[in-house]
Amino acid sequence: MAFDQAVSWSNQANSIRKQLDKRQDTCFLLNFLVCSGLSVELYLKALMLVGRNGLVTGGHDLLSLYEEFPPFLKHELEAAYHSHVRDISHPIDVQAIRMSVNRPNTPPDTHRLSSEYNSFETTIKGIKSVFVKSRYFFEQVTTDDYAYIEYPPGQIKAVIFSLHQVYERFIKGDFAGKLT
């Protein structure tokens, strides 16, 4: 069931991304990040379920979930990620959003990205809390300054495709004997 949910949330995220391609809208952006973050979480948990005989770790931190994977599975995910080089090369958009009563300073022209987004692992690091942060974005703004949203659509797409691909290979038995 986790796999089917992951696919469904991925489809929702893709539909929202298509809307974003037509019209930049902060609500669409946050909804895309929520749906894609939940999809990634469910894919990670689906892999846990099939690889650990039904045992799954709770929580929403994508990096913590990923770090529980054995080295061979991380290697497979990295290889799958790099096979999606066209998606990985998409630009990363950063939006500064003012959500304060007072007028904040002008946002800087540049924003230091939270990750390099050049591998499966660095992308997971960059989006590790995307589901929670995007879902409760209004809670992230605690100063009179700006809050930043990183939008790496191609890199997220590559992560989702990689998880899907590796899960299907796992189900087919491609990794038999590697968990023992």
Protein backbone atom coordinates (compact mmCIF):
# COMPACT_ATOMS: atom_id res chain seq x y z
CA MET A 1 0.00 0.00 0.00
CA ALA A 2 2.86 2.44 0.76
CA PHE A 3 4.15 2.04 -2.80
CA ASP A 4 0.72 2.75 -4.30
CA GLN A 5 0.36 5.82 -2.11
CA ALA A 6 3.84 7.00 -3.14
CA VAL A 7 2.87 6.70 -6.80
CA SER A 8 -0.41 8.55 -6.20
CA TRP A 9 1.30 11.44 -4.38
CA SER A 10 3.94 11.57 -7.09
CA ASN A 11 1.21 11.89 -9.72
CA GLN A 12 -0.37 14.71 -7.71
CA ALA A 13 2.99 16.48 -7.44
CA ASN A 14 3.55 16.13 -11.18
CA SER A 15 0.13 17.61 -11.92
CA ILE A 16 0.90 20.59 -9.67
CA ARG A 17 4.35 21.00 -11.25
CA LYS A 18 2.67 21.32 -14.65
CA GLN A 19 0.54 24.14 -13.23
CA LEU A 20 3.70 25.80 -11.91
CA ASP A 21 5.20 25.65 -15.40
CA LYS A 22 2.27 27.79 -16.60
CA ARG A 23 2.00 30.15 -13.64
CA GLN A 24 4.34 30.74 -10.71
CA ASP A 25 2.22 30.66 -7.59
CA THR A 26 3.45 30.24 -4.03
CA CYS A 27 0.52 28.02 -3.04
CA PHE A 28 1.15 25.70 -6.00
CA LEU A 29 4.85 25.65 -5.12
CA LEU A 30 4.19 24.70 -1.50
CA ASN A 31 1.62 22.10 -2.58
CA PHE A 32 4.13 20.59 -5.02
CA LEU A 33 6.72 20.35 -2.25
CA VAL A 34 4.23 18.80 0.20
CA CYS A 35 3.06 16.19 -2.31
CA SER A 36 6.52 15.33 -3.60
CA GLY A 37 7.97 15.21 -0.07
CA LEU A 38 5.23 12.84 1.04
CA SER A 39 5.77 10.74 -2.08
CA VAL A 40 9.51 10.42 -1.37
CA GLU A 41 8.78 9.50 2.26
CA LEU A 42 6.33 6.79 1.20
CA TYR A 43 8.74 5.38 -1.40
CA LEU A 44 11.47 5.17 1.26
CA LYS A 45 9.07 3.43 3.64
CA ALA A 46 7.84 1.09 0.89
CA LEU A 47 11.45 -0.01 0.36
CA MET A 48 11.80 -0.52 4.12
CA LEU A 49 8.65 -2.63 4.20
CA VAL A 50 9.79 -5.01 1.47
CA GLY A 51 13.40 -5.10 2.63
CA ARG A 52 12.75 -5.57 6.34
CA ASN A 53 9.79 -7.95 6.34
CA GLY A 54 7.21 -5.31 7.18
CA LEU A 55 9.27 -3.25 9.62
CA VAL A 56 9.27 0.47 8.96
CA THR A 57 10.66 3.49 10.77
CA GLY A 58 8.28 6.31 11.57
CA GLY A 59 8.88 10.00 11.07
CA HIS A 60 9.12 12.50 8.24
CA ASP A 61 12.88 13.21 8.12
CA LEU A 62 13.87 11.83 4.71
CA LEU A 63 17.58 11.81 5.50
CA SER A 64 17.06 9.79 8.69
CA LEU A 65 15.00 7.25 6.76
CA TYR A 66 17.56 7.06 3.95
CA GLU A 67 20.47 6.61 6.37
CA GLU A 68 18.94 3.32 7.54
CA PHE A 69 19.39 1.77 4.08
CA PRO A 70 22.21 -0.72 3.49
CA PRO A 71 25.14 0.44 1.34
CA PHE A 72 24.16 -1.64 -1.71
CA LEU A 73 20.72 0.00 -1.82
CA LYS A 74 22.21 3.49 -1.50
CA HIS A 75 24.54 2.63 -4.38
CA GLU A 76 21.58 1.51 -6.53
CA LEU A 77 19.69 4.71 -5.74
CA GLU A 78 22.73 6.85 -6.63
CA ALA A 79 23.18 5.02 -9.93
CA ALA A 80 19.50 5.41 -10.78
CA TYR A 81 19.61 9.12 -9.85
CA HIS A 82 22.53 9.78 -12.17
CA SER A 83 20.73 8.03 -15.03
CA HIS A 84 18.25 10.92 -14.90
CA VAL A 85 20.93 13.49 -15.75
CA ARG A 86 18.55 15.61 -17.85
CA ASP A 87 16.27 16.11 -14.84
CA ILE A 88 19.19 16.72 -12.49
CA SER A 89 20.44 19.56 -14.68
CA HIS A 90 17.26 21.62 -14.21
CA PRO A 91 17.84 24.96 -12.50
CA ILE A 92 16.94 25.34 -8.85
CA ASP A 93 14.59 28.21 -8.14
CA VAL A 94 14.66 30.02 -4.81
CA GLN A 95 11.80 32.22 -3.69
CA ALA A 96 11.99 34.72 -0.86
CA ILE A 97 8.65 35.21 0.82
CA ARG A 98 7.83 38.05 3.15
CA MET A 99 5.38 37.04 5.82
CA SER A 100 5.74 39.63 8.54
CA VAL A 101 3.88 42.58 9.95
CA ASN A 102 6.92 44.83 9.65
CA ARG A 103 8.62 45.65 6.40
CA PRO A 104 11.72 43.44 6.25
CA ASN A 105 15.00 44.27 4.61
CA THR A 106 15.33 43.67 0.91
CA PRO A 107 16.21 40.01 0.36
CA PRO A 108 19.73 39.38 -0.86
CA ASP A 109 20.26 38.78 -4.57
CA THR A 110 21.62 35.34 -3.79
CA HIS A 111 20.64 32.63 -1.37
CA ARG A 112 22.99 29.89 -0.31
CA LEU A 113 21.32 26.58 -1.18
CA SER A 114 20.90 24.08 1.62
CA SER A 115 22.39 21.36 -0.59
CA GLU A 116 24.29 20.84 -3.83
CA TYR A 117 21.52 18.60 -5.24
CA ASN A 118 24.11 16.78 -7.35
CA SER A 119 23.51 13.25 -6.02
CA PHE A 120 20.68 11.21 -4.57
CA GLU A 121 22.06 11.72 -1.07
CA THR A 122 22.66 15.48 -1.36
CA THR A 123 19.16 15.93 -2.78
CA ILE A 124 17.69 13.94 0.12
CA LYS A 125 19.71 16.18 2.47
CA GLY A 126 18.32 19.26 0.75
CA ILE A 127 14.70 18.10 0.95
CA LYS A 128 14.92 16.10 4.19
CA SER A 129 12.17 18.14 5.91
CA VAL A 130 10.34 19.43 2.85
CA PHE A 131 7.03 17.75 3.70
CA VAL A 132 6.79 19.29 7.17
CA LYS A 133 8.34 22.66 6.31
CA SER A 134 6.15 23.19 3.25
CA ARG A 135 3.02 21.91 4.93
CA TYR A 136 3.49 24.29 7.83
CA PHE A 137 5.37 27.01 5.99
CA PHE A 138 3.75 29.78 8.01
CA GLU A 139 5.42 28.36 11.14
CA GLN A 140 8.87 28.81 9.58
CA VAL A 141 8.69 32.59 9.63
CA THR A 142 9.71 33.77 13.07
CA THR A 143 11.55 37.01 12.31
CA ASP A 144 10.88 40.19 10.40
CA ASP A 145 12.97 38.87 7.53
CA TYR A 146 12.22 36.60 4.62
CA ALA A 147 11.69 32.87 4.49
CA TYR A 148 13.21 31.01 1.57
CA ILE A 149 11.77 28.17 -0.46
CA GLU A 150 14.11 26.06 -2.56
CA TYR A 151 12.43 24.53 -5.59
CA PRO A 152 14.58 21.84 -7.27
CA PRO A 153 11.92 20.22 -9.52
CA GLY A 154 14.25 18.17 -11.71
CA GLN A 155 16.24 16.86 -8.79
CA ILE A 156 13.09 15.85 -6.89
CA LYS A 157 11.78 14.17 -10.04
CA ALA A 158 15.05 12.23 -10.35
CA VAL A 159 14.78 11.10 -6.70
CA ILE A 160 11.19 9.92 -7.20
CA PHE A 161 12.01 8.09 -10.45
CA SER A 162 15.04 6.48 -8.78
CA LEU A 163 13.01 5.27 -5.81
CA HIS A 164 10.31 3.91 -8.12
CA GLN A 165 12.85 2.14 -10.31
CA VAL A 166 14.77 0.58 -7.41
CA TYR A 167 11.54 -0.50 -5.67
CA GLU A 168 10.37 -2.31 -8.81
CA ARG A 169 13.76 -4.02 -9.14
CA PHE A 170 13.53 -5.04 -5.48
CA ILE A 171 10.10 -6.61 -6.05
CA LYS A 172 11.41 -8.49 -9.12
CA GLY A 173 14.11 -10.07 -6.95
CA ASP A 174 17.14 -8.23 -8.35
CA PHE A 175 18.56 -7.82 -4.84
CA ALA A 176 17.87 -11.34 -3.52
CA GLY A 177 20.46 -12.41 -1.00
CA LYS A 178 21.90 -8.92 -0.50
CA LEU A 179 20.03 -8.24 2.73
CA THR A 180 21.47 -11.15 4.68
